[in-house]
C-alpha atoms as a PDB file:
ATOM      1  CA  ILE A   1      98.598 110.464 109.266  1.00  0.00           C
ATOM      2  CA  PRO A   2      99.475 108.714 112.245  1.00  0.00           C
ATOM      3  CA  ALA A   3      96.673 107.517 114.709  1.00  0.00           C
ATOM      4  CA  ASP A   4      97.728 109.697 117.618  1.00  0.00           C
ATOM      5  CA  VAL A   5      97.445 112.923 115.598  1.00  0.00           C
ATOM      6  CA  THR A   6      94.306 114.672 116.891  1.00  0.00           C
ATOM      7  CA  GLU A   7      94.673 117.915 115.030  1.00  0.00           C
ATOM      8  CA  LEU A   8      96.585 119.725 112.242  1.00  0.00           C
ATOM      9  CA  PRO A   9      97.901 123.266 112.678  1.00  0.00           C
ATOM     10  CA  THR A  10      97.040 125.951 110.065  1.00  0.00           C
ATOM     11  CA  GLY A  11      99.187 125.439 106.990  1.00  0.00           C
ATOM     12  CA  ALA A  12      99.716 121.637 107.404  1.00  0.00           C
ATOM     13  CA  GLY A  13      99.590 119.972 104.015  1.00  0.00           C
ATOM     14  CA  ALA A  14     101.220 123.061 102.286  1.00  0.00           C
ATOM     15  CA  SER A  15     104.035 120.358 101.501  1.00  0.00           C
ATOM     16  CA  ASP A  16     104.970 116.993 102.578  1.00  0.00           C
ATOM     17  CA  GLU A  17     107.323 118.530 105.111  1.00  0.00           C
ATOM     18  CA  THR A  18     104.418 120.141 106.956  1.00  0.00           C
ATOM     19  CA  LEU A  19     102.584 116.777 107.573  1.00  0.00           C
ATOM     20  CA  PRO A  20     103.010 114.736 110.713  1.00  0.00           C
ATOM     21  CA  GLY A  21     104.993 111.490 110.811  1.00  0.00           C
ATOM     22  CA  SER A  22     105.589 109.777 107.458  1.00  0.00           C
ATOM     23  CA  ALA A  23     102.318 111.196 105.950  1.00  0.00           C
ATOM     24  CA  PHE A  24     102.548 112.381 102.225  1.00  0.00           C
ATOM     25  CA  HIS A  25     100.425 113.733  99.454  1.00  0.00           C
ATOM     26  CA  VAL A  26      99.081 112.170  96.430  1.00  0.00           C
ATOM     27  CA  ARG A  27      97.714 114.011  93.550  1.00  0.00           C
ATOM     28  CA  ASN A  28      94.319 115.683  93.892  1.00  0.00           C
ATOM     29  CA  ASP A  29      91.743 115.173  90.950  1.00  0.00           C
ATOM     30  CA  GLY A  30      93.159 118.425  89.281  1.00  0.00           C
ATOM     31  CA  GLY A  31      96.735 116.891  89.348  1.00  0.00           C
ATOM     32  CA  GLY A  32      98.109 119.231  92.048  1.00  0.00           C
ATOM     33  CA  LEU A  33      99.347 118.264  95.466  1.00  0.00           C
ATOM     34  CA  SER A  34      97.209 120.742  97.595  1.00  0.00           C
ATOM     35  CA  PHE A  35      93.612 121.238  98.487  1.00  0.00           C
ATOM     36  CA  MET A  36      92.039 122.945  95.546  1.00  0.00           C
ATOM     37  CA  GLY A  37      89.205 124.666  97.700  1.00  0.00           C
ATOM     38  CA  ALA A  38      85.587 125.341  96.824  1.00  0.00           C
ATOM     39  CA  ALA A  39      85.199 126.700  93.298  1.00  0.00           C
ATOM     40  CA  PRO A  40      82.050 126.293  91.660  1.00  0.00           C
ATOM     41  CA  PRO A  41      81.258 128.436  88.693  1.00  0.00           C
ATOM     42  CA  GLU A  42      79.275 131.752  89.540  1.00  0.00           C
ATOM     43  CA  GLY A  43      75.512 130.999  89.251  1.00  0.00           C
ATOM     44  CA  ASP A  44      75.860 127.327  89.321  1.00  0.00           C
ATOM     45  CA  GLN A  45      73.908 125.065  91.564  1.00  0.00           C
ATOM     46  CA  PRO A  46      75.426 124.372  94.998  1.00  0.00           C
ATOM     47  CA  HIS A  47      78.430 122.116  94.879  1.00  0.00           C
ATOM     48  CA  ARG A  48      78.812 119.318  97.450  1.00  0.00           C
ATOM     49  CA  TYR A  49      82.192 118.817  99.245  1.00  0.00           C
ATOM     50  CA  PHE A  50      83.124 115.737 101.423  1.00  0.00           C
ATOM     51  CA  PHE A  51      85.857 115.725 103.892  1.00  0.00           C
ATOM     52  CA  VAL A  52      86.619 112.131 104.978  1.00  0.00           C
ATOM     53  CA  VAL A  53      88.807 110.534 107.530  1.00  0.00           C
ATOM     54  CA  HIS A  54      89.488 106.807 107.541  1.00  0.00           C
ATOM     55  CA  ALA A  55      90.703 104.724 110.290  1.00  0.00           C
ATOM     56  CA  VAL A  56      92.922 102.160 108.541  1.00  0.00           C
ATOM     57  CA  GLY A  57      93.768  98.907 110.128  1.00  0.00           C
ATOM     58  CA  GLU A  58      97.387  98.744 108.756  1.00  0.00           C
ATOM     59  CA  GLU A  59     100.529 100.922 109.057  1.00  0.00           C
ATOM     60  CA  THR A  60     100.512 101.997 105.490  1.00  0.00           C
ATOM     61  CA  LEU A  61      98.187 101.670 102.424  1.00  0.00           C
ATOM     62  CA  GLY A  62     100.878 100.387 100.223  1.00  0.00           C
ATOM     63  CA  VAL A  63     101.134 103.379  98.008  1.00  0.00           C
ATOM     64  CA  ASP A  64     103.570 106.218  97.636  1.00  0.00           C
ATOM     65  CA  GLY A  65     103.295 109.918  96.488  1.00  0.00           C
ATOM     66  CA  SER A  66     102.965 108.906  92.717  1.00  0.00           C
ATOM     67  CA  ALA A  67      99.669 107.024  93.407  1.00  0.00           C
ATOM     68  CA  SER A  68      96.464 108.369  91.748  1.00  0.00           C
ATOM     69  CA  PRO A  69      93.406 109.263  93.939  1.00  0.00           C
ATOM     70  CA  ALA A  70      91.769 106.146  92.438  1.00  0.00           C
ATOM     71  CA  VAL A  71      94.475 103.814  93.750  1.00  0.00           C
ATOM     72  CA  VAL A  72      94.323 105.333  97.156  1.00  0.00           C
ATOM     73  CA  GLY A  73      90.480 104.938  97.092  1.00  0.00           C
ATOM     74  CA  PHE A  74      90.795 101.350  96.074  1.00  0.00           C
ATOM     75  CA  ASN A  75      93.300 100.467  98.741  1.00  0.00           C
ATOM     76  CA  LEU A  76      91.124 102.301 101.302  1.00  0.00           C
ATOM     77  CA  ALA A  77      88.241 100.128 100.445  1.00  0.00           C
ATOM     78  CA  PHE A  78      89.921  97.034 101.741  1.00  0.00           C
ATOM     79  CA  LYS A  79      91.748  98.430 104.607  1.00  0.00           C
ATOM     80  CA  THR A  80      89.369 100.893 106.351  1.00  0.00           C
ATOM     81  CA  LEU A  81      88.066 100.081 109.726  1.00  0.00           C
ATOM     82  CA  GLY A  82      85.859 102.991 110.108  1.00  0.00           C
ATOM     83  CA  ARG A  83      85.395 106.509 108.870  1.00  0.00           C
ATOM     84  CA  ALA A  84      83.906 109.959 109.499  1.00  0.00           C
ATOM     85  CA  ILE A  85      82.446 112.304 107.004  1.00  0.00           C
ATOM     86  CA  ILE A  86      81.808 116.057 107.077  1.00  0.00           C
ATOM     87  CA  HIS A  87      79.575 117.277 104.060  1.00  0.00           C
ATOM     88  CA  GLY A  88      79.349 120.696 103.027  1.00  0.00           C
ATOM     89  CA  THR A  89      77.900 122.784 100.181  1.00  0.00           C
ATOM     90  CA  TRP A  90      79.157 126.029  98.566  1.00  0.00           C
ATOM     91  CA  GLN A  91      77.540 128.323  96.000  1.00  0.00           C
ATOM     92  CA  ALA A  92      79.107 131.224  94.204  1.00  0.00           C
END
């Protein structure tokens, strides 16, 4: 997402076309291209969720939409200047 973007409207991320600039999706851990939401099994312990925003010092990470989350994370490890984290929990 471009550095000058300060907010995303409701529905942003529903598809690559709803993302700003040249932003695009990569697969999530479930294999899809969208946010899976909080879905712990009923009665299970509270599940932790991390929403992380990275400030990247390069124009791109050098990946495309076919990259796995692991490859994106690897590239972020070497190109992140700073990050912010919001941590939440959910229990059904």
